[in-house]
PDB file of N, CA and C in Angstrom:
ATOM      1  N   UNK A   1     -36.041  40.952  24.081  1.00  0.00           N
ATOM      2  CA  UNK A   1     -35.146  41.333  23.107  1.00  0.00           C
ATOM      3  C   UNK A   1     -34.574  39.857  22.849  1.00  0.00           C
ATOM      4  N   UNK A   2     -35.225  39.409  21.227  1.00  0.00           N
ATOM      5  CA  UNK A   2     -34.852  38.125  20.799  1.00  0.00           C
ATOM      6  C   UNK A   2     -33.533  38.149  20.695  1.00  0.00           C
ATOM      7  N   UNK A   3     -32.493  36.959  20.954  1.00  0.00           N
ATOM      8  CA  UNK A   3     -31.176  36.764  20.505  1.00  0.00           C
ATOM      9  C   UNK A   3     -31.499  35.816  19.404  1.00  0.00           C
ATOM     10  N   UNK A   4     -30.671  36.431  18.168  1.00  0.00           N
ATOM     11  CA  UNK A   4     -30.582  35.515  17.113  1.00  0.00           C
ATOM     12  C   UNK A   4     -28.700  34.653  16.672  1.00  0.00           C
ATOM     13  N   UNK A   5     -29.611  33.661  16.333  1.00  0.00           N
ATOM     14  CA  UNK A   5     -28.006  32.658  16.031  1.00  0.00           C
ATOM     15  C   UNK A   5     -27.627  33.159  14.486  1.00  0.00           C
ATOM     16  N   UNK A   6     -26.691  33.393  14.902  1.00  0.00           N
ATOM     17  CA  UNK A   6     -25.967  33.659  13.100  1.00  0.00           C
ATOM     18  C   UNK A   6     -24.991  32.541  12.667  1.00  0.00           C
ATOM     19  N   UNK A   7     -24.721  32.345  11.982  1.00  0.00           N
ATOM     20  CA  UNK A   7     -23.943  31.113  11.172  1.00  0.00           C
ATOM     21  C   UNK A   7     -22.426  31.511  11.965  1.00  0.00           C
ATOM     22  N   UNK A   8     -22.009  32.858  12.059  1.00  0.00           N
ATOM     23  CA  UNK A   8     -20.695  33.018  12.570  1.00  0.00           C
ATOM     24  C   UNK A   8     -20.297  32.540  14.124  1.00  0.00           C
ATOM     25  N   UNK A   9     -21.753  32.123  14.894  1.00  0.00           N
ATOM     26  CA  UNK A   9     -21.776  31.492  16.333  1.00  0.00           C
ATOM     27  C   UNK A   9     -21.359  30.458  16.173  1.00  0.00           C
ATOM     28  N   UNK A  10     -22.238  29.738  15.026  1.00  0.00           N
ATOM     29  CA  UNK A  10     -21.871  28.224  15.140  1.00  0.00           C
ATOM     30  C   UNK A  10     -20.848  28.007  15.013  1.00  0.00           C
ATOM     31  N   UNK A  11     -19.846  28.784  14.057  1.00  0.00           N
ATOM     32  CA  UNK A  11     -18.506  28.382  13.977  1.00  0.00           C
ATOM     33  C   UNK A  11     -17.548  28.872  15.388  1.00  0.00           C
ATOM     34  N   UNK A  12     -17.927  30.014  15.952  1.00  0.00           N
ATOM     35  CA  UNK A  12     -17.805  30.237  17.569  1.00  0.00           C
ATOM     36  C   UNK A  12     -17.665  29.082  18.293  1.00  0.00           C
ATOM     37  N   UNK A  13     -18.749  28.572  18.008  1.00  0.00           N
ATOM     38  CA  UNK A  13     -18.830  27.365  19.341  1.00  0.00           C
ATOM     39  C   UNK A  13     -18.214  26.330  18.991  1.00  0.00           C
ATOM     40  N   UNK A  14     -17.527  26.347  17.846  1.00  0.00           N
ATOM     41  CA  UNK A  14     -16.619  24.883  17.573  1.00  0.00           C
ATOM     42  C   UNK A  14     -17.315  24.345  16.133  1.00  0.00           C
ATOM     43  N   UNK A  15     -18.094  24.315  15.590  1.00  0.00           N
ATOM     44  CA  UNK A  15     -18.663  23.660  14.152  1.00  0.00           C
ATOM     45  C   UNK A  15     -18.800  24.043  13.043  1.00  0.00           C
ATOM     46  N   UNK A  16     -18.227  23.121  11.991  1.00  0.00           N
ATOM     47  CA  UNK A  16     -18.008  24.225  10.949  1.00  0.00           C
ATOM     48  C   UNK A  16     -19.269  24.044  10.123  1.00  0.00           C
ATOM     49  N   UNK A  17     -19.210  24.937   9.216  1.00  0.00           N
ATOM     50  CA  UNK A  17     -20.503  25.257   8.166  1.00  0.00           C
ATOM     51  C   UNK A  17     -21.003  24.222   7.639  1.00  0.00           C
ATOM     52  N   UNK A  18     -20.424  22.923   7.264  1.00  0.00           N
ATOM     53  CA  UNK A  18     -20.858  22.359   5.884  1.00  0.00           C
ATOM     54  C   UNK A  18     -21.684  21.183   7.109  1.00  0.00           C
ATOM     55  N   UNK A  19     -21.037  21.038   8.579  1.00  0.00           N
ATOM     56  CA  UNK A  19     -21.464  20.133   9.069  1.00  0.00           C
ATOM     57  C   UNK A  19     -22.854  20.664   9.614  1.00  0.00           C
ATOM     58  N   UNK A  20     -22.791  22.049   9.799  1.00  0.00           N
ATOM     59  CA  UNK A  20     -24.227  22.394  10.590  1.00  0.00           C
ATOM     60  C   UNK A  20     -25.117  22.830   9.071  1.00  0.00           C
ATOM     61  N   UNK A  21     -24.959  23.110   7.850  1.00  0.00           N
ATOM     62  CA  UNK A  21     -25.749  22.466   6.556  1.00  0.00           C
ATOM     63  C   UNK A  21     -26.526  20.934   6.719  1.00  0.00           C
ATOM     64  N   UNK A  22     -25.406  19.992   6.547  1.00  0.00           N
ATOM     65  CA  UNK A  22     -25.785  18.666   7.058  1.00  0.00           C
ATOM     66  C   UNK A  22     -26.818  18.422   8.134  1.00  0.00           C
ATOM     67  N   UNK A  23     -26.494  19.015   9.343  1.00  0.00           N
ATOM     68  CA  UNK A  23     -27.165  18.772  10.737  1.00  0.00           C
ATOM     69  C   UNK A  23     -28.923  19.578  10.457  1.00  0.00           C
ATOM     70  N   UNK A  24     -29.089  20.351   9.418  1.00  0.00           N
ATOM     71  CA  UNK A  24     -30.228  21.021   8.977  1.00  0.00           C
ATOM     72  C   UNK A  24     -30.848  20.341   8.090  1.00  0.00           C
ATOM     73  N   UNK A  25     -30.351  19.789   6.915  1.00  0.00           N
ATOM     74  CA  UNK A  25     -30.936  18.837   6.241  1.00  0.00           C
ATOM     75  C   UNK A  25     -31.470  17.554   7.012  1.00  0.00           C
ATOM     76  N   UNK A  26     -30.319  17.431   7.533  1.00  0.00           N
ATOM     77  CA  UNK A  26     -31.662  15.879   8.227  1.00  0.00           C
ATOM     78  C   UNK A  26     -32.290  16.163   9.227  1.00  0.00           C
ATOM     79  N   UNK A  27     -32.210  17.672  10.032  1.00  0.00           N
ATOM     80  CA  UNK A  27     -33.836  17.815  10.847  1.00  0.00           C
ATOM     81  C   UNK A  27     -34.168  18.818   9.967  1.00  0.00           C
ATOM     82  N   UNK A  28     -34.999  18.765   8.733  1.00  0.00           N
ATOM     83  CA  UNK A  28     -35.981  19.879   8.616  1.00  0.00           C
ATOM     84  C   UNK A  28     -35.554  21.146   8.451  1.00  0.00           C
ATOM     85  N   UNK A  29     -34.146  21.722   8.628  1.00  0.00           N
ATOM     86  CA  UNK A  29     -34.904  23.147   8.874  1.00  0.00           C
ATOM     87  C   UNK A  29     -33.798  23.817   7.482  1.00  0.00           C
ATOM     88  N   UNK A  30     -34.689  24.730   7.346  1.00  0.00           N
ATOM     89  CA  UNK A  30     -33.861  25.405   6.102  1.00  0.00           C
ATOM     90  C   UNK A  30     -32.442  26.151   6.118  1.00  0.00           C
ATOM     91  N   UNK A  31     -31.917  26.036   5.731  1.00  0.00           N
ATOM     92  CA  UNK A  31     -30.181  26.461   6.361  1.00  0.00           C
ATOM     93  C   UNK A  31     -29.997  27.645   5.016  1.00  0.00           C
ATOM     94  N   UNK A  32     -30.605  27.893   3.869  1.00  0.00           N
ATOM     95  CA  UNK A  32     -30.530  29.251   3.077  1.00  0.00           C
ATOM     96  C   UNK A  32     -31.503  29.758   4.422  1.00  0.00           C
ATOM     97  N   UNK A  33     -32.217  29.912   4.768  1.00  0.00           N
ATOM     98  CA  UNK A  33     -33.361  30.976   5.431  1.00  0.00           C
ATOM     99  C   UNK A  33     -32.074  31.207   7.047  1.00  0.00           C
ATOM    100  N   UNK A  34     -31.999  30.289   7.533  1.00  0.00           N
ATOM    101  CA  UNK A  34     -31.338  30.592   8.478  1.00  0.00           C
ATOM    102  C   UNK A  34     -29.860  31.298   8.306  1.00  0.00           C
ATOM    103  N   UNK A  35     -29.449  31.411   6.883  1.00  0.00           N
ATOM    104  CA  UNK A  35     -27.798  31.949   6.477  1.00  0.00           C
ATOM    105  C   UNK A  35     -28.431  33.075   6.853  1.00  0.00           C
ATOM    106  N   UNK A  36     -29.615  33.577   5.826  1.00  0.00           N
ATOM    107  CA  UNK A  36     -30.080  35.180   5.135  1.00  0.00           C
ATOM    108  C   UNK A  36     -30.677  35.765   6.632  1.00  0.00           C
ATOM    109  N   UNK A  37     -31.020  34.657   7.604  1.00  0.00           N
ATOM    110  CA  UNK A  37     -32.310  35.779   8.805  1.00  0.00           C
ATOM    111  C   UNK A  37     -31.518  35.262  10.165  1.00  0.00           C
ATOM    112  N   UNK A  38     -30.792  34.295  10.213  1.00  0.00           N
ATOM    113  CA  UNK A  38     -30.325  33.336  11.383  1.00  0.00           C
ATOM    114  C   UNK A  38     -31.832  32.890  11.953  1.00  0.00           C
ATOM    115  N   UNK A  39     -31.679  32.566  13.669  1.00  0.00           N
ATOM    116  CA  UNK A  39     -32.655  31.988  14.327  1.00  0.00           C
ATOM    117  C   UNK A  39     -32.462  32.339  15.760  1.00  0.00           C
ATOM    118  N   UNK A  40     -33.433  32.557  16.183  1.00  0.00           N
ATOM    119  CA  UNK A  40     -34.232  32.574  17.663  1.00  0.00           C
ATOM    120  C   UNK A  40     -33.018  31.743  18.800  1.00  0.00           C
ATOM    121  N   UNK A  41     -32.365  32.011  19.186  1.00  0.00           N
ATOM    122  CA  UNK A  41     -31.790  31.069  20.543  1.00  0.00           C
ATOM    123  C   UNK A  41     -32.631  30.223  21.133  1.00  0.00           C
ATOM    124  N   UNK A  42     -34.071  30.467  21.299  1.00  0.00           N
ATOM    125  CA  UNK A  42     -34.842  29.891  21.730  1.00  0.00           C
ATOM    126  C   UNK A  42     -35.214  28.605  21.257  1.00  0.00           C
ATOM    127  N   UNK A  43     -35.534  28.965  19.810  1.00  0.00           N
ATOM    128  CA  UNK A  43     -35.645  27.707  18.676  1.00  0.00           C
ATOM    129  C   UNK A  43     -34.890  26.439  18.622  1.00  0.00           C
ATOM    130  N   UNK A  44     -33.376  26.643  18.793  1.00  0.00           N
ATOM    131  CA  UNK A  44     -32.046  26.141  19.119  1.00  0.00           C
ATOM    132  C   UNK A  44     -32.590  25.630  20.703  1.00  0.00           C
ATOM    133  N   UNK A  45     -32.517  25.812  21.390  1.00  0.00           N
ATOM    134  CA  UNK A  45     -33.006  25.198  22.727  1.00  0.00           C
ATOM    135  C   UNK A  45     -34.070  24.397  22.792  1.00  0.00           C
ATOM    136  N   UNK A  46     -34.639  24.572  21.904  1.00  0.00           N
ATOM    137  CA  UNK A  46     -36.240  23.572  21.989  1.00  0.00           C
ATOM    138  C   UNK A  46     -36.562  22.434  21.574  1.00  0.00           C
ATOM    139  N   UNK A  47     -34.907  22.354  20.133  1.00  0.00           N
ATOM    140  CA  UNK A  47     -34.748  21.042  19.986  1.00  0.00           C
ATOM    141  C   UNK A  47     -34.117  19.929  20.865  1.00  0.00           C
ATOM    142  N   UNK A  48     -33.209  20.690  21.468  1.00  0.00           N
ATOM    143  CA  UNK A  48     -32.807  19.952  23.034  1.00  0.00           C
ATOM    144  C   UNK A  48     -31.419  19.129  22.131  1.00  0.00           C
ATOM    145  N   UNK A  49     -31.017  19.222  21.206  1.00  0.00           N
ATOM    146  CA  UNK A  49     -29.942  18.120  20.705  1.00  0.00           C
ATOM    147  C   UNK A  49     -28.360  18.630  21.428  1.00  0.00           C
ATOM    148  N   UNK A  50     -27.396  17.842  21.172  1.00  0.00           N
ATOM    149  CA  UNK A  50     -25.997  18.739  21.413  1.00  0.00           C
ATOM    150  C   UNK A  50     -25.660  19.412  20.778  1.00  0.00           C
ATOM    151  N   UNK A  51     -25.607  19.328  19.772  1.00  0.00           N
ATOM    152  CA  UNK A  51     -25.480  20.745  18.663  1.00  0.00           C
ATOM    153  C   UNK A  51     -26.240  22.071  19.172  1.00  0.00           C
ATOM    154  N   UNK A  52     -27.799  22.117  19.223  1.00  0.00           N
ATOM    155  CA  UNK A  52     -28.026  23.108  19.188  1.00  0.00           C
ATOM    156  C   UNK A  52     -27.837  23.613  20.688  1.00  0.00           C
ATOM    157  N   UNK A  53     -27.507  22.984  21.594  1.00  0.00           N
ATOM    158  CA  UNK A  53     -27.948  23.100  23.448  1.00  0.00           C
ATOM    159  C   UNK A  53     -26.176  23.886  23.032  1.00  0.00           C
ATOM    160  N   UNK A  54     -25.002  23.297  22.402  1.00  0.00           N
ATOM    161  CA  UNK A  54     -23.898  23.837  22.653  1.00  0.00           C
ATOM    162  C   UNK A  54     -23.897  25.239  21.731  1.00  0.00           C
ATOM    163  N   UNK A  55     -24.044  25.320  21.222  1.00  0.00           N
ATOM    164  CA  UNK A  55     -24.767  26.509  20.191  1.00  0.00           C
ATOM    165  C   UNK A  55     -25.189  27.810  20.780  1.00  0.00           C
ATOM    166  N   UNK A  56     -26.392  27.278  21.547  1.00  0.00           N
ATOM    167  CA  UNK A  56     -27.333  28.435  22.401  1.00  0.00           C
ATOM    168  C   UNK A  56     -26.754  29.161  23.396  1.00  0.00           C
ATOM    169  N   UNK A  57     -25.978  28.155  23.839  1.00  0.00           N
ATOM    170  CA  UNK A  57     -24.827  28.425  25.401  1.00  0.00           C
ATOM    171  C   UNK A  57     -24.062  29.231  25.110  1.00  0.00           C
ATOM    172  N   UNK A  58     -23.398  29.307  23.825  1.00  0.00           N
ATOM    173  CA  UNK A  58     -22.347  29.698  23.478  1.00  0.00           C
ATOM    174  C   UNK A  58     -23.013  31.389  23.170  1.00  0.00           C
ATOM    175  N   UNK A  59     -24.020  31.118  22.442  1.00  0.00           N
ATOM    176  CA  UNK A  59     -24.613  32.688  22.223  1.00  0.00           C
ATOM    177  C   UNK A  59     -25.334  33.229  23.355  1.00  0.00           C
ATOM    178  N   UNK A  60     -25.687  32.666  24.350  1.00  0.00           N
ATOM    179  CA  UNK A  60     -26.121  33.075  25.497  1.00  0.00           C
ATOM    180  C   UNK A  60     -24.943  33.977  26.370  1.00  0.00           C
ATOM    181  N   UNK A  61     -24.416  33.088  26.338  1.00  0.00           N
ATOM    182  CA  UNK A  61     -22.481  33.317  27.309  1.00  0.00           C
ATOM    183  C   UNK A  61     -22.009  34.633  26.359  1.00  0.00           C
ATOM    184  N   UNK A  62     -22.034  34.898  25.195  1.00  0.00           N
ATOM    185  CA  UNK A  62     -21.734  35.804  24.279  1.00  0.00           C
ATOM    186  C   UNK A  62     -22.604  36.987  24.774  1.00  0.00           C
ATOM    187  N   UNK A  63     -23.947  36.976  24.720  1.00  0.00           N
ATOM    188  CA  UNK A  63     -24.535  37.945  24.849  1.00  0.00           C
ATOM    189  C   UNK A  63     -24.791  38.478  26.236  1.00  0.00           C
ATOM    190  N   UNK A  64     -24.645  37.767  27.125  1.00  0.00           N
ATOM    191  CA  UNK A  64     -24.285  38.017  28.889  1.00  0.00           C
ATOM    192  C   UNK A  64     -23.551  39.127  28.782  1.00  0.00           C
ATOM    193  N   UNK A  65     -22.108  38.421  28.220  1.00  0.00           N
ATOM    194  CA  UNK A  65     -21.063  39.278  28.340  1.00  0.00           C
ATOM    195  C   UNK A  65     -20.874  40.918  28.054  1.00  0.00           C
ATOM    196  N   UNK A  66     -21.364  40.656  26.420  1.00  0.00           N
ATOM    197  CA  UNK A  66     -21.459  42.253  25.930  1.00  0.00           C
ATOM    198  C   UNK A  66     -22.251  43.016  26.524  1.00  0.00           C
ATOM    199  N   UNK A  67     -23.596  42.291  27.144  1.00  0.00           N
ATOM    200  CA  UNK A  67     -24.314  43.186  27.627  1.00  0.00           C
ATOM    201  C   UNK A  67     -24.255  43.692  29.109  1.00  0.00           C
ATOM    202  N   UNK A  68     -23.701  42.817  29.641  1.00  0.00           N
ATOM    203  CA  UNK A  68     -23.576  42.684  31.650  1.00  0.00           C
ATOM    204  C   UNK A  68     -21.670  43.048  31.700  1.00  0.00           C
ATOM    205  N   UNK A  69     -20.685  43.246  30.677  1.00  0.00           N
ATOM    206  CA  UNK A  69     -19.503  43.786  30.911  1.00  0.00           C
ATOM    207  C   UNK A  69     -18.749  42.916  31.222  1.00  0.00           C
TER     208      UNK A  69
END
């Protein structure tokens, strides 16, 4: 099962949408596509910077809490 990161996950991890948009532009990611489709958590982890790793860890933690009670 693929875990998808959504914009709300970025907000829940403590980042703002404006900053995420700027980060995406600086890193060549299509922010509009992200808003529409999300992004697999593995892709964020592969990037490896603080922003991606923080959001990915938050999403994985939330996923585990929901699925493991």
